[in-house]
């Protein structure tokens, strides 16, 4: 059964897939391939979403974890600061028009982020799932989701869905279907349909109520 916390896993998978594409484009550019700038430049919006996500975790998820597992969250905050520094290095390298340094920076960012997300999935969010009450989970995840500026929400949906597989798409769609008023969900549904194009049919097969 779909749980609200499944949204976190979907976003984690999207982060993994987007930074992989950015890193691969930077690597190919460093080898002399042309025409990949638009893919590399995704790192700016990618990092905006990552910061919103991390801010929400620090505001709500980590404090909730601390109540049931003291001292667990601190290393994850340290990871977030490391990701901030990784972004700064990438931004500086790309702004300097240095393809080799950019490729090194995207590789470092990807490596650090992958380890961080894997740890969160295997450790921190396991504690979240197993030790928090349903009410505590919903409260924390509501704050986390609220860190996305409302006017930027359509951009997030458009970014998210092409980067995740069908299981994550089903979970995200069901979560929004559960928590949003019908008129708001109708708008999200239109965004999803535009974002995934012909793959919409597969989603409707899994969720006949769409």
C-alpha atoms as a PDB file:
ATOM      1  CA  UNK A   1       0.000   0.000   0.000  1.00  0.00           C
ATOM      2  CA  UNK A   2       1.247   3.466  -0.876  1.00  0.00           C
ATOM      3  CA  UNK A   3       2.426   5.571   2.062  1.00  0.00           C
ATOM      4  CA  UNK A   4       3.229   9.317   2.027  1.00  0.00           C
ATOM      5  CA  UNK A   5       6.883   8.530   2.791  1.00  0.00           C
ATOM      6  CA  UNK A   6       7.088   6.781  -0.593  1.00  0.00           C
ATOM      7  CA  UNK A   7       7.292  10.280  -2.053  1.00  0.00           C
ATOM      8  CA  UNK A   8      10.751  10.641  -0.525  1.00  0.00           C
ATOM      9  CA  UNK A   9      11.982   7.530  -2.300  1.00  0.00           C
ATOM     10  CA  UNK A  10      10.618   8.852  -5.600  1.00  0.00           C
ATOM     11  CA  UNK A  11      12.462  12.129  -5.198  1.00  0.00           C
ATOM     12  CA  UNK A  12      15.644  10.316  -4.202  1.00  0.00           C
ATOM     13  CA  UNK A  13      15.451   8.245  -7.381  1.00  0.00           C
ATOM     14  CA  UNK A  14      14.879  11.371  -9.449  1.00  0.00           C
ATOM     15  CA  UNK A  15      17.925  13.012  -7.881  1.00  0.00           C
ATOM     16  CA  UNK A  16      20.022   9.940  -8.696  1.00  0.00           C
ATOM     17  CA  UNK A  17      18.894   9.864 -12.317  1.00  0.00           C
ATOM     18  CA  UNK A  18      19.276  13.585 -12.932  1.00  0.00           C
ATOM     19  CA  UNK A  19      22.787  13.888 -11.479  1.00  0.00           C
ATOM     20  CA  UNK A  20      23.806  10.810 -13.491  1.00  0.00           C
ATOM     21  CA  UNK A  21      22.667  12.489 -16.707  1.00  0.00           C
ATOM     22  CA  UNK A  22      24.380  15.741 -15.758  1.00  0.00           C
ATOM     23  CA  UNK A  23      27.605  13.940 -14.866  1.00  0.00           C
ATOM     24  CA  UNK A  24      27.617  11.880 -18.062  1.00  0.00           C
ATOM     25  CA  UNK A  25      27.065  15.023 -20.145  1.00  0.00           C
ATOM     26  CA  UNK A  26      29.912  16.809 -18.359  1.00  0.00           C
ATOM     27  CA  UNK A  27      32.215  13.831 -18.925  1.00  0.00           C
ATOM     28  CA  UNK A  28      31.402  13.680 -22.636  1.00  0.00           C
ATOM     29  CA  UNK A  29      31.904  17.443 -22.944  1.00  0.00           C
ATOM     30  CA  UNK A  30      35.335  17.161 -21.325  1.00  0.00           C
ATOM     31  CA  UNK A  31      36.200  14.601 -24.041  1.00  0.00           C
ATOM     32  CA  UNK A  32      35.215  17.099 -26.727  1.00  0.00           C
ATOM     33  CA  UNK A  33      31.583  16.259 -27.458  1.00  0.00           C
ATOM     34  CA  UNK A  34      29.529  19.325 -28.360  1.00  0.00           C
ATOM     35  CA  UNK A  35      25.880  20.200 -27.773  1.00  0.00           C
ATOM     36  CA  UNK A  36      25.422  18.986 -24.192  1.00  0.00           C
ATOM     37  CA  UNK A  37      25.393  22.345 -22.413  1.00  0.00           C
ATOM     38  CA  UNK A  38      21.647  22.301 -21.776  1.00  0.00           C
ATOM     39  CA  UNK A  39      21.942  18.961 -19.982  1.00  0.00           C
ATOM     40  CA  UNK A  40      24.848  20.110 -17.822  1.00  0.00           C
ATOM     41  CA  UNK A  41      23.057  23.363 -17.002  1.00  0.00           C
ATOM     42  CA  UNK A  42      20.243  21.341 -15.431  1.00  0.00           C
ATOM     43  CA  UNK A  43      22.472  21.297 -12.349  1.00  0.00           C
ATOM     44  CA  UNK A  44      21.150  24.699 -11.287  1.00  0.00           C
ATOM     45  CA  UNK A  45      17.473  23.724 -11.124  1.00  0.00           C
ATOM     46  CA  UNK A  46      18.428  20.273  -9.870  1.00  0.00           C
ATOM     47  CA  UNK A  47      20.200  21.904  -6.940  1.00  0.00           C
ATOM     48  CA  UNK A  48      17.267  24.207  -6.213  1.00  0.00           C
ATOM     49  CA  UNK A  49      15.046  21.168  -5.716  1.00  0.00           C
ATOM     50  CA  UNK A  50      17.752  19.415  -3.719  1.00  0.00           C
ATOM     51  CA  UNK A  51      18.025  22.415  -1.389  1.00  0.00           C
ATOM     52  CA  UNK A  52      14.245  22.568  -0.894  1.00  0.00           C
ATOM     53  CA  UNK A  53      14.317  18.860  -0.069  1.00  0.00           C
ATOM     54  CA  UNK A  54      17.233  19.162   2.345  1.00  0.00           C
ATOM     55  CA  UNK A  55      15.715  22.219   4.021  1.00  0.00           C
ATOM     56  CA  UNK A  56      12.499  20.301   4.630  1.00  0.00           C
ATOM     57  CA  UNK A  57      14.390  17.358   6.070  1.00  0.00           C
ATOM     58  CA  UNK A  58      16.294  19.602   8.466  1.00  0.00           C
ATOM     59  CA  UNK A  59      13.141  21.460   9.481  1.00  0.00           C
ATOM     60  CA  UNK A  60      10.939  18.438  10.152  1.00  0.00           C
ATOM     61  CA  UNK A  61      12.253  14.962   9.318  1.00  0.00           C
ATOM     62  CA  UNK A  62      15.506  15.166  11.265  1.00  0.00           C
ATOM     63  CA  UNK A  63      13.893  16.637  14.417  1.00  0.00           C
ATOM     64  CA  UNK A  64      11.266  13.882  14.311  1.00  0.00           C
ATOM     65  CA  UNK A  65      14.000  11.261  14.023  1.00  0.00           C
ATOM     66  CA  UNK A  66      15.910  12.796  16.929  1.00  0.00           C
ATOM     67  CA  UNK A  67      12.960  12.140  19.226  1.00  0.00           C
ATOM     68  CA  UNK A  68      13.118   8.397  18.654  1.00  0.00           C
ATOM     69  CA  UNK A  69      16.796   7.953  17.700  1.00  0.00           C
ATOM     70  CA  UNK A  70      18.958  10.669  19.295  1.00  0.00           C
ATOM     71  CA  UNK A  71      22.220  11.646  17.569  1.00  0.00           C
ATOM     72  CA  UNK A  72      21.279   9.929  14.313  1.00  0.00           C
ATOM     73  CA  UNK A  73      20.522  13.043  12.260  1.00  0.00           C
ATOM     74  CA  UNK A  74      23.704  15.058  12.824  1.00  0.00           C
ATOM     75  CA  UNK A  75      25.843  13.225  10.220  1.00  0.00           C
ATOM     76  CA  UNK A  76      23.095  13.755   7.647  1.00  0.00           C
ATOM     77  CA  UNK A  77      23.159  17.504   8.276  1.00  0.00           C
ATOM     78  CA  UNK A  78      26.915  17.322   7.695  1.00  0.00           C
ATOM     79  CA  UNK A  79      26.216  15.563   4.395  1.00  0.00           C
ATOM     80  CA  UNK A  80      23.930  18.419   3.389  1.00  0.00           C
ATOM     81  CA  UNK A  81      26.656  20.968   4.045  1.00  0.00           C
ATOM     82  CA  UNK A  82      29.010  18.852   1.967  1.00  0.00           C
ATOM     83  CA  UNK A  83      26.510  18.886  -0.884  1.00  0.00           C
ATOM     84  CA  UNK A  84      26.322  22.666  -0.603  1.00  0.00           C
ATOM     85  CA  UNK A  85      30.087  22.821  -1.076  1.00  0.00           C
ATOM     86  CA  UNK A  86      29.910  20.360  -3.975  1.00  0.00           C
ATOM     87  CA  UNK A  87      27.390  22.607  -5.710  1.00  0.00           C
ATOM     88  CA  UNK A  88      29.548  25.679  -5.163  1.00  0.00           C
ATOM     89  CA  UNK A  89      32.524  23.906  -6.734  1.00  0.00           C
ATOM     90  CA  UNK A  90      30.431  22.798  -9.701  1.00  0.00           C
ATOM     91  CA  UNK A  91      28.952  26.247 -10.208  1.00  0.00           C
ATOM     92  CA  UNK A  92      32.384  27.887 -10.073  1.00  0.00           C
ATOM     93  CA  UNK A  93      33.900  25.342 -12.469  1.00  0.00           C
ATOM     94  CA  UNK A  94      31.104  25.669 -15.003  1.00  0.00           C
ATOM     95  CA  UNK A  95      31.056  29.468 -14.763  1.00  0.00           C
ATOM     96  CA  UNK A  96      34.797  29.474 -15.471  1.00  0.00           C
ATOM     97  CA  UNK A  97      34.088  27.529 -18.688  1.00  0.00           C
ATOM     98  CA  UNK A  98      36.491  24.784 -17.627  1.00  0.00           C
ATOM     99  CA  UNK A  99      35.139  21.454 -18.988  1.00  0.00           C
ATOM    100  CA  UNK A 100      37.659  19.280 -17.145  1.00  0.00           C
ATOM    101  CA  UNK A 101      37.042  20.883 -13.755  1.00  0.00           C
ATOM    102  CA  UNK A 102      33.312  20.766 -14.423  1.00  0.00           C
ATOM    103  CA  UNK A 103      33.478  17.032 -15.142  1.00  0.00           C
ATOM    104  CA  UNK A 104      35.469  16.455 -11.964  1.00  0.00           C
ATOM    105  CA  UNK A 105      32.945  18.539  -9.998  1.00  0.00           C
ATOM    106  CA  UNK A 106      29.904  16.693 -11.352  1.00  0.00           C
ATOM    107  CA  UNK A 107      31.576  13.354 -10.588  1.00  0.00           C
ATOM    108  CA  UNK A 108      32.287  14.433  -7.016  1.00  0.00           C
ATOM    109  CA  UNK A 109      28.752  15.762  -6.582  1.00  0.00           C
ATOM    110  CA  UNK A 110      27.274  12.539  -7.957  1.00  0.00           C
ATOM    111  CA  UNK A 111      29.437  10.340  -5.730  1.00  0.00           C
ATOM    112  CA  UNK A 112      28.682  12.286  -2.552  1.00  0.00           C
ATOM    113  CA  UNK A 113      24.959  12.497  -3.290  1.00  0.00           C
ATOM    114  CA  UNK A 114      24.679   8.792  -4.110  1.00  0.00           C
ATOM    115  CA  UNK A 115      26.220   7.755  -0.798  1.00  0.00           C
ATOM    116  CA  UNK A 116      24.058  10.233   1.099  1.00  0.00           C
ATOM    117  CA  UNK A 117      20.808   9.061  -0.501  1.00  0.00           C
ATOM    118  CA  UNK A 118      21.696   5.400  -0.083  1.00  0.00           C
ATOM    119  CA  UNK A 119      22.348   5.965   3.623  1.00  0.00           C
ATOM    120  CA  UNK A 120      19.088   7.840   4.041  1.00  0.00           C
ATOM    121  CA  UNK A 121      17.100   5.099   2.323  1.00  0.00           C
ATOM    122  CA  UNK A 122      18.766   2.258   4.214  1.00  0.00           C
ATOM    123  CA  UNK A 123      19.051   3.895   7.617  1.00  0.00           C
ATOM    124  CA  UNK A 124      17.370   7.203   8.350  1.00  0.00           C
ATOM    125  CA  UNK A 125      14.078   6.619   6.529  1.00  0.00           C
ATOM    126  CA  UNK A 126      13.923   3.069   7.848  1.00  0.00           C
ATOM    127  CA  UNK A 127      13.884   4.562  11.348  1.00  0.00           C
ATOM    128  CA  UNK A 128      11.318   7.091  10.120  1.00  0.00           C
ATOM    129  CA  UNK A 129       9.041   4.332   8.804  1.00  0.00           C
ATOM    130  CA  UNK A 130       9.390   1.981  11.764  1.00  0.00           C
ATOM    131  CA  UNK A 131       9.516   4.226  14.825  1.00  0.00           C
ATOM    132  CA  UNK A 132       7.330   7.254  14.096  1.00  0.00           C
ATOM    133  CA  UNK A 133       3.583   7.250  14.466  1.00  0.00           C
ATOM    134  CA  UNK A 134       1.410   7.830  11.377  1.00  0.00           C
ATOM    135  CA  UNK A 135       0.572  11.322  12.662  1.00  0.00           C
ATOM    136  CA  UNK A 136       4.236  12.198  13.190  1.00  0.00           C
ATOM    137  CA  UNK A 137       5.090  10.981   9.713  1.00  0.00           C
ATOM    138  CA  UNK A 138       2.375  13.046   8.070  1.00  0.00           C
ATOM    139  CA  UNK A 139       3.296  16.162  10.040  1.00  0.00           C
ATOM    140  CA  UNK A 140       6.974  15.886   9.079  1.00  0.00           C
ATOM    141  CA  UNK A 141       6.286  15.143   5.424  1.00  0.00           C
ATOM    142  CA  UNK A 142       3.796  18.003   5.169  1.00  0.00           C
ATOM    143  CA  UNK A 143       6.476  20.423   6.326  1.00  0.00           C
ATOM    144  CA  UNK A 144       8.985  18.832   3.955  1.00  0.00           C
ATOM    145  CA  UNK A 145       6.656  19.205   0.981  1.00  0.00           C
ATOM    146  CA  UNK A 146       5.829  22.777   1.998  1.00  0.00           C
ATOM    147  CA  UNK A 147       9.415  23.886   1.406  1.00  0.00           C
ATOM    148  CA  UNK A 148       8.736  23.880  -2.332  1.00  0.00           C
ATOM    149  CA  UNK A 149       7.541  27.396  -3.244  1.00  0.00           C
ATOM    150  CA  UNK A 150       3.946  27.045  -4.371  1.00  0.00           C
ATOM    151  CA  UNK A 151       4.497  28.942  -7.604  1.00  0.00           C
ATOM    152  CA  UNK A 152       7.357  26.569  -8.515  1.00  0.00           C
ATOM    153  CA  UNK A 153       5.356  23.400  -7.903  1.00  0.00           C
ATOM    154  CA  UNK A 154       4.474  22.879 -11.610  1.00  0.00           C
ATOM    155  CA  UNK A 155       8.185  22.965 -12.457  1.00  0.00           C
ATOM    156  CA  UNK A 156       8.856  20.280  -9.856  1.00  0.00           C
ATOM    157  CA  UNK A 157       6.189  17.956 -11.280  1.00  0.00           C
ATOM    158  CA  UNK A 158       7.523  18.496 -14.797  1.00  0.00           C
ATOM    159  CA  UNK A 159      11.061  17.748 -13.589  1.00  0.00           C
ATOM    160  CA  UNK A 160      10.139  14.729 -11.453  1.00  0.00           C
ATOM    161  CA  UNK A 161       8.037  12.438 -13.634  1.00  0.00           C
ATOM    162  CA  UNK A 162      10.404  11.895 -16.584  1.00  0.00           C
ATOM    163  CA  UNK A 163      13.129  10.918 -14.095  1.00  0.00           C
ATOM    164  CA  UNK A 164      11.278   8.158 -12.222  1.00  0.00           C
ATOM    165  CA  UNK A 165       9.997   4.703 -13.095  1.00  0.00           C
ATOM    166  CA  UNK A 166       6.435   3.491 -13.192  1.00  0.00           C
ATOM    167  CA  UNK A 167       6.305   2.326  -9.551  1.00  0.00           C
ATOM    168  CA  UNK A 168       7.415   5.729  -8.284  1.00  0.00           C
ATOM    169  CA  UNK A 169       5.022   7.450 -10.678  1.00  0.00           C
ATOM    170  CA  UNK A 170       2.149   5.369  -9.340  1.00  0.00           C
ATOM    171  CA  UNK A 171       3.065   6.130  -5.733  1.00  0.00           C
ATOM    172  CA  UNK A 172       3.484   9.869  -6.306  1.00  0.00           C
ATOM    173  CA  UNK A 173       0.231  10.115  -8.234  1.00  0.00           C
ATOM    174  CA  UNK A 174      -1.699   8.210  -5.577  1.00  0.00           C
ATOM    175  CA  UNK A 175      -0.212  10.365  -2.823  1.00  0.00           C
ATOM    176  CA  UNK A 176      -1.231  13.582  -4.562  1.00  0.00           C
ATOM    177  CA  UNK A 177      -4.629  12.077  -5.331  1.00  0.00           C
ATOM    178  CA  UNK A 178      -5.064  11.393  -1.595  1.00  0.00           C
ATOM    179  CA  UNK A 179      -3.860  14.715  -0.193  1.00  0.00           C
ATOM    180  CA  UNK A 180      -4.947  17.313  -2.739  1.00  0.00           C
ATOM    181  CA  UNK A 181      -8.459  18.699  -3.311  1.00  0.00           C
ATOM    182  CA  UNK A 182      -9.984  17.447  -6.548  1.00  0.00           C
ATOM    183  CA  UNK A 183      -9.502  20.717  -8.510  1.00  0.00           C
ATOM    184  CA  UNK A 184      -5.837  20.931  -7.485  1.00  0.00           C
ATOM    185  CA  UNK A 185      -5.224  17.290  -8.353  1.00  0.00           C
ATOM    186  CA  UNK A 186      -6.811  17.819 -11.762  1.00  0.00           C
ATOM    187  CA  UNK A 187      -4.147  20.433 -12.445  1.00  0.00           C
ATOM    188  CA  UNK A 188      -1.398  18.070 -11.288  1.00  0.00           C
ATOM    189  CA  UNK A 189      -2.848  15.338 -13.460  1.00  0.00           C
ATOM    190  CA  UNK A 190      -2.553  17.578 -16.511  1.00  0.00           C
ATOM    191  CA  UNK A 191       1.070  18.374 -15.638  1.00  0.00           C
ATOM    192  CA  UNK A 192       1.899  14.681 -15.281  1.00  0.00           C
ATOM    193  CA  UNK A 193       0.251  13.840 -18.594  1.00  0.00           C
ATOM    194  CA  UNK A 194       2.268  16.517 -20.412  1.00  0.00           C
ATOM    195  CA  UNK A 195       5.497  15.499 -18.671  1.00  0.00           C
ATOM    196  CA  UNK A 196       5.409  11.802 -19.632  1.00  0.00           C
ATOM    197  CA  UNK A 197       3.545  11.954 -22.949  1.00  0.00           C
ATOM    198  CA  UNK A 198       2.718   8.518 -24.382  1.00  0.00           C
ATOM    199  CA  UNK A 199       3.745   6.823 -21.116  1.00  0.00           C
ATOM    200  CA  UNK A 200       0.574   8.269 -19.566  1.00  0.00           C
ATOM    201  CA  UNK A 201      -1.375   5.225 -20.784  1.00  0.00           C
ATOM    202  CA  UNK A 202       0.739   2.915 -18.628  1.00  0.00           C
ATOM    203  CA  UNK A 203       0.009   5.073 -15.593  1.00  0.00           C
ATOM    204  CA  UNK A 204      -3.744   5.002 -16.213  1.00  0.00           C
ATOM    205  CA  UNK A 205      -3.604   1.226 -16.458  1.00  0.00           C
ATOM    206  CA  UNK A 206      -2.095   1.104 -12.986  1.00  0.00           C
ATOM    207  CA  UNK A 207      -4.477   3.768 -11.629  1.00  0.00           C
ATOM    208  CA  UNK A 208      -7.826   3.350 -13.408  1.00  0.00           C
ATOM    209  CA  UNK A 209      -9.360   6.257 -11.457  1.00  0.00           C
ATOM    210  CA  UNK A 210      -7.296   8.806 -13.398  1.00  0.00           C
END
